[in-house]
N, C-alpha and C. Protein backbone atom coordinates (compact mmCIF):
# COMPACT_ATOMS: atom_id res chain seq x y z
N MET A 1 -26.63 -21.11 -16.18
CA MET A 1 -26.30 -21.16 -17.95
C MET A 1 -25.61 -22.28 -18.54
N THR A 2 -26.45 -23.15 -18.88
CA THR A 2 -25.74 -24.42 -19.80
C THR A 2 -25.45 -24.25 -21.10
N SER A 3 -26.07 -23.05 -21.74
CA SER A 3 -25.77 -22.92 -23.22
C SER A 3 -24.19 -22.22 -23.70
N HIS A 4 -23.83 -22.86 -24.17
CA HIS A 4 -22.35 -22.11 -24.29
C HIS A 4 -22.34 -20.98 -25.46
N VAL A 5 -23.47 -20.98 -26.28
CA VAL A 5 -23.71 -19.98 -27.13
C VAL A 5 -24.15 -18.78 -26.17
N GLY A 6 -25.31 -18.84 -25.24
CA GLY A 6 -25.09 -18.05 -24.01
C GLY A 6 -24.18 -17.21 -23.76
N ARG A 7 -23.00 -17.85 -23.19
CA ARG A 7 -21.87 -17.32 -22.24
C ARG A 7 -20.70 -16.56 -23.75
N LEU A 8 -20.77 -17.03 -25.02
CA LEU A 8 -20.22 -16.34 -25.57
C LEU A 8 -20.85 -15.55 -25.90
N TYR A 9 -22.39 -14.84 -25.80
CA TYR A 9 -22.55 -13.74 -25.97
C TYR A 9 -22.65 -12.73 -24.58
N ALA A 10 -22.45 -13.57 -23.89
CA ALA A 10 -22.58 -12.62 -22.36
C ALA A 10 -21.11 -12.01 -22.34
N LEU A 11 -19.80 -12.41 -22.68
CA LEU A 11 -18.48 -12.61 -22.83
C LEU A 11 -18.41 -11.12 -23.76
N ALA A 12 -19.16 -11.59 -25.01
CA ALA A 12 -19.08 -10.68 -25.78
C ALA A 12 -19.41 -9.40 -25.67
N ILE A 13 -20.89 -9.61 -24.48
CA ILE A 13 -21.49 -7.90 -24.58
C ILE A 13 -20.57 -7.50 -23.04
N ALA A 14 -19.84 -8.35 -22.48
CA ALA A 14 -19.14 -7.78 -21.37
C ALA A 14 -17.75 -6.84 -21.76
N LEU A 15 -17.19 -7.92 -22.43
CA LEU A 15 -16.03 -6.98 -23.34
C LEU A 15 -16.55 -5.82 -24.26
N LEU A 16 -17.53 -5.37 -24.80
CA LEU A 16 -17.93 -4.24 -25.33
C LEU A 16 -18.67 -3.38 -24.19
N VAL A 17 -18.99 -3.83 -23.35
CA VAL A 17 -18.99 -2.66 -22.33
C VAL A 17 -18.06 -1.96 -21.23
N PHE A 18 -17.08 -3.22 -21.32
CA PHE A 18 -15.52 -2.82 -20.82
C PHE A 18 -15.18 -1.98 -21.32
N PHE A 19 -14.66 -1.60 -22.95
CA PHE A 19 -14.36 -0.89 -24.05
C PHE A 19 -14.55 0.20 -23.90
N VAL A 20 -16.01 0.08 -24.06
CA VAL A 20 -16.77 1.66 -24.54
C VAL A 20 -16.56 2.26 -22.92
N THR A 21 -16.73 1.51 -21.91
CA THR A 21 -16.38 2.42 -20.35
C THR A 21 -15.08 3.10 -20.40
N TRP A 22 -14.04 2.22 -21.02
CA TRP A 22 -12.61 2.98 -21.11
C TRP A 22 -12.38 4.20 -22.07
N ALA A 23 -12.80 3.67 -23.27
CA ALA A 23 -12.72 4.77 -24.40
C ALA A 23 -13.48 6.42 -23.57
N ALA A 24 -14.99 6.03 -22.69
CA ALA A 24 -15.55 7.18 -22.23
C ALA A 24 -14.36 7.67 -21.06
N VAL A 25 -13.87 7.08 -20.51
CA VAL A 25 -13.22 7.59 -18.89
C VAL A 25 -11.84 7.82 -19.86
N ALA A 26 -11.26 7.48 -20.79
CA ALA A 26 -10.01 8.10 -21.48
C ALA A 26 -9.85 9.38 -22.47
N ALA A 27 -11.79 9.53 -22.53
CA ALA A 27 -12.00 10.59 -23.44
C ALA A 27 -11.98 12.07 -22.13
N LYS A 28 -12.45 11.64 -21.16
CA LYS A 28 -12.09 12.65 -19.76
C LYS A 28 -13.37 13.78 -20.20
N PRO A 29 -14.81 13.41 -20.44
CA PRO A 29 -15.79 14.34 -20.72
C PRO A 29 -16.13 15.54 -19.46
N TRP A 30 -15.49 15.17 -18.31
CA TRP A 30 -15.59 15.76 -17.24
C TRP A 30 -15.05 17.21 -17.30
N ALA A 31 -13.51 16.68 -17.91
CA ALA A 31 -12.48 17.89 -17.94
C ALA A 31 -13.33 19.02 -18.40
N THR A 32 -12.56 19.86 -17.66
CA THR A 32 -13.28 22.11 -18.11
C THR A 32 -12.28 22.04 -19.42
N THR A 33 -13.19 23.39 -20.53
CA THR A 33 -12.67 23.55 -21.56
C THR A 33 -11.78 24.67 -21.30
N HIS A 34 -11.66 25.76 -20.40
CA HIS A 34 -10.91 26.48 -20.16
C HIS A 34 -9.63 25.88 -20.23
N THR A 35 -8.63 27.13 -20.93
CA THR A 35 -7.79 27.18 -20.80
C THR A 35 -6.45 27.23 -20.03
N PRO A 36 -5.71 26.21 -19.68
CA PRO A 36 -5.00 26.72 -18.58
C PRO A 36 -4.30 27.90 -18.63
N ALA A 37 -3.61 27.86 -17.04
CA ALA A 37 -2.67 29.17 -17.15
C ALA A 37 -1.55 28.57 -18.09
N LYS A 38 -0.82 29.33 -18.47
CA LYS A 38 0.35 29.19 -18.79
C LYS A 38 1.80 28.96 -18.35
N ASP A 39 2.34 28.04 -18.11
CA ASP A 39 3.46 27.37 -17.68
C ASP A 39 4.78 28.78 -17.66
N PRO A 40 5.35 29.54 -16.69
CA PRO A 40 6.33 30.06 -16.93
C PRO A 40 7.76 29.66 -17.72
N ARG A 41 7.69 28.10 -17.42
CA ARG A 41 9.07 27.50 -17.80
C ARG A 41 8.49 27.23 -19.26
N LEU A 42 7.78 27.22 -19.83
CA LEU A 42 7.06 27.30 -21.28
C LEU A 42 7.56 28.08 -21.83
N ALA A 43 7.10 29.33 -21.23
CA ALA A 43 7.82 30.44 -21.90
C ALA A 43 8.93 30.82 -22.03
N ALA A 44 9.56 30.27 -20.78
CA ALA A 44 10.92 30.61 -20.66
C ALA A 44 11.70 30.02 -22.07
N LEU A 45 11.21 28.51 -22.02
CA LEU A 45 11.60 27.62 -23.14
C LEU A 45 11.86 28.14 -24.69
N ALA A 46 10.45 28.80 -24.57
CA ALA A 46 10.55 29.52 -26.09
C ALA A 46 11.39 30.74 -26.19
N ALA A 47 11.28 31.59 -25.36
CA ALA A 47 12.15 32.51 -25.63
C ALA A 47 13.62 31.93 -25.82
N ARG A 48 14.00 31.16 -24.90
CA ARG A 48 15.35 30.33 -25.12
C ARG A 48 15.44 29.92 -26.72
N GLU A 49 14.46 29.52 -27.07
CA GLU A 49 14.87 28.76 -28.20
C GLU A 49 14.75 29.98 -29.02
N GLY A 50 13.81 30.71 -29.37
CA GLY A 50 14.22 31.99 -30.06
C GLY A 50 15.22 32.90 -29.95
N ARG A 51 16.13 32.99 -29.13
CA ARG A 51 17.35 33.41 -28.86
C ARG A 51 18.29 32.52 -29.61
N ILE A 52 18.53 30.90 -29.38
CA ILE A 52 19.18 30.08 -29.89
C ILE A 52 19.28 30.03 -31.35
N ARG A 53 18.00 30.15 -32.29
CA ARG A 53 17.88 30.43 -33.70
C ARG A 53 18.27 31.45 -34.28
N HIS A 54 17.91 32.29 -33.26
CA HIS A 54 18.81 34.04 -33.76
C HIS A 54 20.40 33.79 -33.69
N GLU A 55 21.02 33.29 -32.70
CA GLU A 55 22.49 33.03 -32.66
C GLU A 55 22.64 32.03 -33.62
N SER A 56 22.06 31.02 -34.19
CA SER A 56 22.42 29.91 -35.01
C SER A 56 22.53 30.64 -36.79
N VAL A 57 21.72 31.67 -36.61
CA VAL A 57 21.88 32.35 -38.13
C VAL A 57 23.01 33.60 -38.21
N VAL A 58 23.02 33.62 -36.61
CA VAL A 58 24.37 34.69 -36.82
C VAL A 58 25.48 34.09 -36.79
N VAL A 59 25.94 32.81 -36.37
CA VAL A 59 27.18 31.94 -36.67
C VAL A 59 27.00 31.60 -37.80
N ALA A 60 25.94 30.94 -38.34
CA ALA A 60 25.97 30.53 -40.09
C ALA A 60 26.53 31.67 -40.84
N ARG A 61 26.15 32.91 -40.49
CA ARG A 61 26.35 33.62 -41.20
C ARG A 61 27.39 34.47 -41.19
N ILE A 62 28.53 34.14 -40.33
CA ILE A 62 30.05 34.01 -39.60
C ILE A 62 30.91 33.47 -40.50
N VAL A 63 30.34 31.94 -40.31
CA VAL A 63 30.91 31.04 -40.85
C VAL A 63 30.87 30.85 -42.71
N ARG A 64 29.83 31.50 -43.24
CA ARG A 64 29.88 31.56 -44.51
C ARG A 64 31.01 32.78 -44.86
N HIS A 65 30.80 33.90 -44.27
CA HIS A 65 32.08 34.83 -44.75
C HIS A 65 33.28 34.58 -44.40
N ARG A 66 33.18 33.51 -43.34
CA ARG A 66 34.99 32.89 -42.91
C ARG A 66 35.51 32.16 -44.31
N TRP A 67 34.22 31.19 -44.63
CA TRP A 67 34.91 30.47 -45.98
C TRP A 67 34.87 31.32 -46.96
N ALA A 68 34.29 32.05 -47.04
CA ALA A 68 34.67 32.44 -48.33
C ALA A 68 35.76 33.43 -48.67
N VAL A 69 36.40 34.18 -47.15
CA VAL A 69 37.83 34.88 -47.06
C VAL A 69 38.60 33.40 -47.35
N TYR A 70 38.26 32.67 -46.83
CA TYR A 70 39.68 31.81 -47.17
C TYR A 70 39.97 31.02 -48.25
N ARG A 71 38.84 30.88 -48.98
CA ARG A 71 39.06 30.63 -50.39
C ARG A 71 39.18 31.42 -51.34
N VAL A 72 39.19 32.67 -50.50
CA VAL A 72 39.76 33.97 -51.76
C VAL A 72 41.48 33.52 -51.60
N ALA A 73 41.54 33.40 -50.16
CA ALA A 73 43.23 33.21 -49.86
C ALA A 73 43.68 32.45 -50.27
N LEU A 74 43.65 31.23 -50.08
CA LEU A 74 43.65 29.94 -50.90
C LEU A 74 44.00 29.80 -52.58
N ARG A 75 42.96 30.77 -52.99
CA ARG A 75 43.31 30.65 -54.66
C ARG A 75 44.37 31.36 -54.90
N LYS A 76 44.92 32.44 -54.12
CA LYS A 76 45.61 33.45 -54.30
C LYS A 76 47.42 32.84 -53.91
N ARG A 77 47.10 32.00 -52.64
CA ARG A 77 48.37 30.83 -52.48
C ARG A 77 48.21 30.05 -53.57
N GLN A 78 47.48 29.29 -54.08
CA GLN A 78 47.54 28.35 -54.97
C GLN A 78 48.49 29.32 -56.19
N ALA A 79 47.68 30.33 -56.68
CA ALA A 79 48.35 31.40 -57.97
C ALA A 79 50.06 31.59 -57.36
N GLN A 80 50.41 31.57 -56.03
CA GLN A 80 51.74 31.78 -55.56
C GLN A 80 52.41 30.65 -56.07
N ILE A 81 51.97 29.28 -55.61
CA ILE A 81 52.64 28.10 -55.59
C ILE A 81 53.09 28.11 -57.43
N ALA A 82 52.05 28.03 -57.75
CA ALA A 82 52.18 27.81 -59.32
C ALA A 82 53.32 28.92 -60.08
N ALA A 83 53.15 30.00 -60.05
CA ALA A 83 54.09 30.91 -60.25
C ALA A 83 55.37 30.64 -59.60
N ALA A 84 55.40 30.25 -58.74
CA ALA A 84 56.78 29.79 -58.26
C ALA A 84 57.57 28.57 -58.76
N LYS A 85 56.70 27.59 -59.18
CA LYS A 85 56.99 26.43 -59.54
C LYS A 85 57.81 26.53 -60.89
N GLN A 86 56.69 27.54 -61.69
CA GLN A 86 56.98 27.79 -63.31
C GLN A 86 58.81 28.47 -63.37
N ALA A 87 58.63 29.48 -62.20
CA ALA A 87 59.97 30.26 -62.18
C ALA A 87 60.94 29.11 -61.91
N GLN A 88 60.69 27.80 -60.93
CA GLN A 88 61.61 27.02 -60.65
C GLN A 88 62.17 26.34 -62.00
N VAL A 89 61.00 25.48 -62.42
CA VAL A 89 60.92 24.88 -63.56
C VAL A 89 61.92 26.00 -64.83
N ALA A 90 61.82 27.01 -64.79
CA ALA A 90 62.26 27.79 -65.54
C ALA A 90 63.78 28.11 -65.39
N ALA A 91 64.23 28.28 -63.91
CA ALA A 91 65.38 28.35 -63.65
C ALA A 91 66.37 26.81 -63.83
N ALA A 92 65.66 26.40 -63.64
CA ALA A 92 66.14 24.56 -63.88
C ALA A 92 66.64 24.33 -65.24
N ALA A 93 65.75 24.90 -66.06
CA ALA A 93 66.13 24.37 -67.81
C ALA A 93 67.03 25.54 -68.17
N ALA A 94 66.77 26.62 -67.35
CA ALA A 94 68.28 28.03 -68.20
C ALA A 94 69.52 26.93 -67.34
N ALA A 95 69.87 26.91 -66.23
CA ALA A 95 70.79 26.33 -65.21
C ALA A 95 71.40 25.48 -66.27
N PRO A 96 73.16 25.63 -66.31
CA PRO A 96 73.37 24.11 -66.92
C PRO A 96 73.41 23.10 -65.74
N ALA A 97 73.77 21.98 -66.26
CA ALA A 97 73.51 20.75 -65.60
C ALA A 97 74.48 20.69 -64.25
N PRO A 98 74.63 20.18 -63.48
CA PRO A 98 75.83 20.21 -62.57
C PRO A 98 76.80 19.28 -63.04
N SER A 99 78.03 19.36 -62.78
CA SER A 99 78.89 18.16 -63.04
C SER A 99 79.13 17.36 -62.04
N VAL A 100 79.23 16.24 -62.08
CA VAL A 100 79.59 15.07 -61.64
C VAL A 100 81.02 14.51 -61.07
N GLN A 101 81.46 14.53 -59.94
CA GLN A 101 82.81 13.93 -59.51
C GLN A 101 82.88 12.98 -58.79
N VAL A 102 83.43 12.04 -59.02
CA VAL A 102 83.65 10.74 -58.67
C VAL A 102 85.11 10.88 -57.78
N VAL A 103 84.83 10.20 -56.53
CA VAL A 103 86.08 10.49 -55.53
C VAL A 103 85.83 9.15 -55.12
N ASN A 104 87.34 8.72 -55.22
CA ASN A 104 87.60 7.35 -54.66
C ASN A 104 88.69 7.83 -53.18
N LEU A 105 87.67 7.10 -51.85
CA LEU A 105 88.26 7.33 -50.86
C LEU A 105 88.94 5.82 -50.62
N PRO A 106 89.97 6.10 -49.68
CA PRO A 106 90.42 4.92 -49.14
C PRO A 106 89.22 4.41 -48.01
N PRO A 107 89.12 3.10 -48.01
CA PRO A 107 88.59 2.21 -47.08
C PRO A 107 88.52 2.41 -45.49
N LEU A 108 87.22 2.81 -45.27
CA LEU A 108 87.23 3.05 -43.82
C LEU A 108 87.35 1.85 -42.50
N THR A 109 88.44 1.66 -42.08
CA THR A 109 88.35 0.26 -41.19
C THR A 109 88.83 1.17 -39.69
N VAL A 110 88.17 0.48 -38.63
CA VAL A 110 88.34 0.69 -37.49
C VAL A 110 88.66 -0.62 -36.81
N THR A 111 89.61 -0.54 -36.08
CA THR A 111 89.88 -1.65 -35.40
C THR A 111 90.49 -1.29 -33.74
N ARG A 112 89.92 -1.84 -33.07
CA ARG A 112 89.96 -2.06 -31.79
C ARG A 112 90.81 -3.32 -30.61
N THR A 113 91.70 -3.11 -30.05
CA THR A 113 91.92 -4.24 -29.14
C THR A 113 91.75 -3.65 -27.71
N SER A 114 91.11 -5.23 -27.14
CA SER A 114 90.56 -4.98 -25.87
C SER A 114 91.88 -5.10 -24.64
């Protein structure tokens, strides 16, 4: 073959045959269509997934309940703190101001000889 066009056509046809063959082999037309036996590992995995989903629902319910109890206790504690602050402010306003006493002490000096 001395024609360049002929070589290009031959190369194109060879590539086309190659890719069509590749697609046919990848499709596995000879494989049987019956369903394979179920793998026991997959069944165990599906059962475990179901248990974990159920446990996550239970845990989420417990967390929501504990959070609700905490919020109620927090509101109660905040009300107690606010009442204590108001009582402290009222007591401080009713009590007389403490008197201040100024004391003059002699200077503290320590001398040591070696």
